[in-house]
Amino acid sequence: MSVSELACVYSALILHDAGVNITADKMATLVKAAGVSIEPIWTNLFARALAGKDIGALISNVGSGAAAAGAGAAAGGGAAAGGGGEAVEDKKEEKEEKKEESEEESDDDMGFGLFD
């Protein structure tokens, strides 16, 4: 990420945290106060991209967007094919089983425990 992008992201987060509407002018003021020089287009782009978005929801769902989109597509495709919803449930059960196995194996990897 470039310095310009980071400055815009941080200024948007500061404005959100303060409960202030995110506008290009307010972002530019914060960036200027931080001593960073950027082209005005960056603040305009970020302000337009974030207009009407729930920034709190974006922050709390970082990393889950791709997984949710994939699960939604699988569920949608399964519903269209008829009976595909069971395949999604099977995959979830398999993932849970793999997690349980990996937790049990983690102690055996070294051959000894921390307090042995």
C-alpha atoms as a PDB file:
ATOM      1  CA  MET A   1       0.000   0.000   0.000  1.00  0.00           C
ATOM      2  CA  SER A   2       1.287   3.460  -0.816  1.00  0.00           C
ATOM      3  CA  VAL A   3       1.721   6.287   1.671  1.00  0.00           C
ATOM      4  CA  SER A   4      -1.255   8.080   0.112  1.00  0.00           C
ATOM      5  CA  GLU A   5      -3.527   5.078   0.587  1.00  0.00           C
ATOM      6  CA  LEU A   6      -2.403   4.549   4.162  1.00  0.00           C
ATOM      7  CA  ALA A   7      -2.921   8.214   4.999  1.00  0.00           C
ATOM      8  CA  CYS A   8      -6.479   8.042   3.644  1.00  0.00           C
ATOM      9  CA  VAL A   9      -7.254   4.814   5.479  1.00  0.00           C
ATOM     10  CA  TYR A  10      -5.960   6.146   8.781  1.00  0.00           C
ATOM     11  CA  SER A  11      -7.775   9.452   8.382  1.00  0.00           C
ATOM     12  CA  ALA A  12     -11.028   7.611   7.619  1.00  0.00           C
ATOM     13  CA  LEU A  13     -10.560   5.445  10.716  1.00  0.00           C
ATOM     14  CA  ILE A  14      -9.892   8.509  12.866  1.00  0.00           C
ATOM     15  CA  LEU A  15     -13.023  10.230  11.569  1.00  0.00           C
ATOM     16  CA  HIS A  16     -15.088   7.099  12.139  1.00  0.00           C
ATOM     17  CA  ASP A  17     -13.739   6.706  15.657  1.00  0.00           C
ATOM     18  CA  ALA A  18     -14.614  10.342  16.413  1.00  0.00           C
ATOM     19  CA  GLY A  19     -18.140   9.787  15.080  1.00  0.00           C
ATOM     20  CA  VAL A  20     -17.696  12.378  12.327  1.00  0.00           C
ATOM     21  CA  ASN A  21     -18.987  11.971   8.774  1.00  0.00           C
ATOM     22  CA  ILE A  22     -16.223  10.957   6.391  1.00  0.00           C
ATOM     23  CA  THR A  23     -15.744  13.584   3.695  1.00  0.00           C
ATOM     24  CA  ALA A  24     -12.857  14.383   1.378  1.00  0.00           C
ATOM     25  CA  ASP A  25     -12.315  17.782   3.031  1.00  0.00           C
ATOM     26  CA  LYS A  26     -12.097  16.339   6.537  1.00  0.00           C
ATOM     27  CA  MET A  27      -9.773  13.592   5.382  1.00  0.00           C
ATOM     28  CA  ALA A  28      -7.549  16.144   3.623  1.00  0.00           C
ATOM     29  CA  THR A  29      -7.428  18.251   6.789  1.00  0.00           C
ATOM     30  CA  LEU A  30      -6.313  15.274   8.869  1.00  0.00           C
ATOM     31  CA  VAL A  31      -3.719  14.202   6.313  1.00  0.00           C
ATOM     32  CA  LYS A  32      -2.339  17.747   6.121  1.00  0.00           C
ATOM     33  CA  ALA A  33      -2.207  17.967   9.937  1.00  0.00           C
ATOM     34  CA  ALA A  34      -0.199  14.726   9.952  1.00  0.00           C
ATOM     35  CA  GLY A  35       2.359  16.305   7.642  1.00  0.00           C
ATOM     36  CA  VAL A  36       1.735  13.938   4.753  1.00  0.00           C
ATOM     37  CA  SER A  37       1.459  15.337   1.243  1.00  0.00           C
ATOM     38  CA  ILE A  38      -0.873  13.437  -1.069  1.00  0.00           C
ATOM     39  CA  GLU A  39      -2.768  14.190  -4.239  1.00  0.00           C
ATOM     40  CA  PRO A  40      -6.352  15.386  -3.635  1.00  0.00           C
ATOM     41  CA  ILE A  41      -7.762  12.577  -5.767  1.00  0.00           C
ATOM     42  CA  TRP A  42      -7.007  10.048  -3.010  1.00  0.00           C
ATOM     43  CA  THR A  43      -9.250  11.696  -0.424  1.00  0.00           C
ATOM     44  CA  ASN A  44     -12.027  12.044  -3.004  1.00  0.00           C
ATOM     45  CA  LEU A  45     -11.766   8.370  -3.971  1.00  0.00           C
ATOM     46  CA  PHE A  46     -11.805   7.132  -0.403  1.00  0.00           C
ATOM     47  CA  ALA A  47     -14.633   9.457   0.644  1.00  0.00           C
ATOM     48  CA  ARG A  48     -16.785   8.289  -2.272  1.00  0.00           C
ATOM     49  CA  ALA A  49     -15.943   4.635  -1.656  1.00  0.00           C
ATOM     50  CA  LEU A  50     -16.899   4.896   2.020  1.00  0.00           C
ATOM     51  CA  ALA A  51     -20.017   7.025   1.517  1.00  0.00           C
ATOM     52  CA  GLY A  52     -23.022   5.281   3.018  1.00  0.00           C
ATOM     53  CA  LYS A  53     -20.990   2.315   4.276  1.00  0.00           C
ATOM     54  CA  ASP A  54     -21.033   1.056   7.846  1.00  0.00           C
ATOM     55  CA  ILE A  55     -17.351   1.373   8.716  1.00  0.00           C
ATOM     56  CA  GLY A  56     -17.831  -0.491  12.004  1.00  0.00           C
ATOM     57  CA  ALA A  57     -19.209  -3.499  10.144  1.00  0.00           C
ATOM     58  CA  LEU A  58     -16.333  -3.372   7.656  1.00  0.00           C
ATOM     59  CA  ILE A  59     -13.804  -3.361  10.476  1.00  0.00           C
ATOM     60  CA  SER A  60     -15.422  -6.212  12.386  1.00  0.00           C
ATOM     61  CA  ASN A  61     -15.772  -8.405   9.283  1.00  0.00           C
ATOM     62  CA  VAL A  62     -12.215  -8.139   8.003  1.00  0.00           C
ATOM     63  CA  GLY A  63     -11.190 -11.430   6.415  1.00  0.00           C
ATOM     64  CA  SER A  64     -14.633 -12.967   6.535  1.00  0.00           C
ATOM     65  CA  GLY A  65     -15.847 -11.433   3.273  1.00  0.00           C
ATOM     66  CA  ALA A  66     -14.336 -14.042   0.998  1.00  0.00           C
ATOM     67  CA  ALA A  67     -15.493 -16.931   3.154  1.00  0.00           C
ATOM     68  CA  ALA A  68     -19.002 -15.525   3.414  1.00  0.00           C
ATOM     69  CA  ALA A  69     -19.172 -14.928  -0.340  1.00  0.00           C
ATOM     70  CA  GLY A  70     -17.996 -18.471  -1.050  1.00  0.00           C
ATOM     71  CA  ALA A  71     -20.483 -19.975   1.380  1.00  0.00           C
ATOM     72  CA  GLY A  72     -23.271 -17.839  -0.067  1.00  0.00           C
ATOM     73  CA  ALA A  73     -22.409 -18.907  -3.591  1.00  0.00           C
ATOM     74  CA  ALA A  74     -22.265 -22.560  -2.556  1.00  0.00           C
ATOM     75  CA  ALA A  75     -25.588 -22.324  -0.766  1.00  0.00           C
ATOM     76  CA  GLY A  76     -27.153 -20.458  -3.703  1.00  0.00           C
ATOM     77  CA  GLY A  77     -25.836 -22.989  -6.196  1.00  0.00           C
ATOM     78  CA  GLY A  78     -26.970 -25.864  -4.011  1.00  0.00           C
ATOM     79  CA  ALA A  79     -30.456 -24.467  -3.744  1.00  0.00           C
ATOM     80  CA  ALA A  80     -30.662 -24.110  -7.511  1.00  0.00           C
ATOM     81  CA  ALA A  81     -29.458 -27.675  -8.043  1.00  0.00           C
ATOM     82  CA  GLY A  82     -31.765 -29.007  -5.346  1.00  0.00           C
ATOM     83  CA  GLY A  83     -30.406 -30.823  -2.325  1.00  0.00           C
ATOM     84  CA  GLY A  84     -27.018 -29.106  -2.451  1.00  0.00           C
ATOM     85  CA  GLY A  85     -27.498 -27.660   1.019  1.00  0.00           C
ATOM     86  CA  GLU A  86     -26.524 -31.023   2.507  1.00  0.00           C
ATOM     87  CA  ALA A  87     -23.112 -30.785   0.840  1.00  0.00           C
ATOM     88  CA  VAL A  88     -22.462 -27.466   2.575  1.00  0.00           C
ATOM     89  CA  GLU A  89     -23.372 -29.002   5.941  1.00  0.00           C
ATOM     90  CA  ASP A  90     -21.075 -31.968   5.260  1.00  0.00           C
ATOM     91  CA  LYS A  91     -18.179 -29.629   4.531  1.00  0.00           C
ATOM     92  CA  LYS A  92     -18.761 -27.800   7.812  1.00  0.00           C
ATOM     93  CA  GLU A  93     -18.727 -31.082   9.725  1.00  0.00           C
ATOM     94  CA  GLU A  94     -15.498 -32.117   8.007  1.00  0.00           C
ATOM     95  CA  LYS A  95     -13.847 -28.831   8.947  1.00  0.00           C
ATOM     96  CA  GLU A  96     -14.894 -29.260  12.583  1.00  0.00           C
ATOM     97  CA  GLU A  97     -13.450 -32.781  12.640  1.00  0.00           C
ATOM     98  CA  LYS A  98     -10.167 -31.553  11.153  1.00  0.00           C
ATOM     99  CA  LYS A  99      -9.920 -28.816  13.789  1.00  0.00           C
ATOM    100  CA  GLU A 100     -10.448 -31.341  16.592  1.00  0.00           C
ATOM    101  CA  GLU A 101      -7.783 -33.645  15.154  1.00  0.00           C
ATOM    102  CA  SER A 102      -5.255 -30.837  14.771  1.00  0.00           C
ATOM    103  CA  GLU A 103      -5.727 -29.777  18.412  1.00  0.00           C
ATOM    104  CA  GLU A 104      -5.071 -33.316  19.636  1.00  0.00           C
ATOM    105  CA  GLU A 105      -2.006 -33.745  17.415  1.00  0.00           C
ATOM    106  CA  SER A 106      -0.430 -30.461  18.436  1.00  0.00           C
ATOM    107  CA  ASP A 107       0.704 -31.879  21.812  1.00  0.00           C
ATOM    108  CA  ASP A 108       2.220 -34.971  20.227  1.00  0.00           C
ATOM    109  CA  ASP A 109       4.276 -33.120  17.608  1.00  0.00           C
ATOM    110  CA  MET A 110       7.286 -32.508  19.860  1.00  0.00           C
ATOM    111  CA  GLY A 111       7.134 -35.761  21.796  1.00  0.00           C
ATOM    112  CA  PHE A 112       7.112 -33.975  25.140  1.00  0.00           C
ATOM    113  CA  GLY A 113       5.034 -31.431  26.972  1.00  0.00           C
ATOM    114  CA  LEU A 114       6.019 -28.086  28.389  1.00  0.00           C
ATOM    115  CA  PHE A 115       6.110 -29.354  32.003  1.00  0.00           C
ATOM    116  CA  ASP A 116       7.391 -32.921  31.515  1.00  0.00           C
END
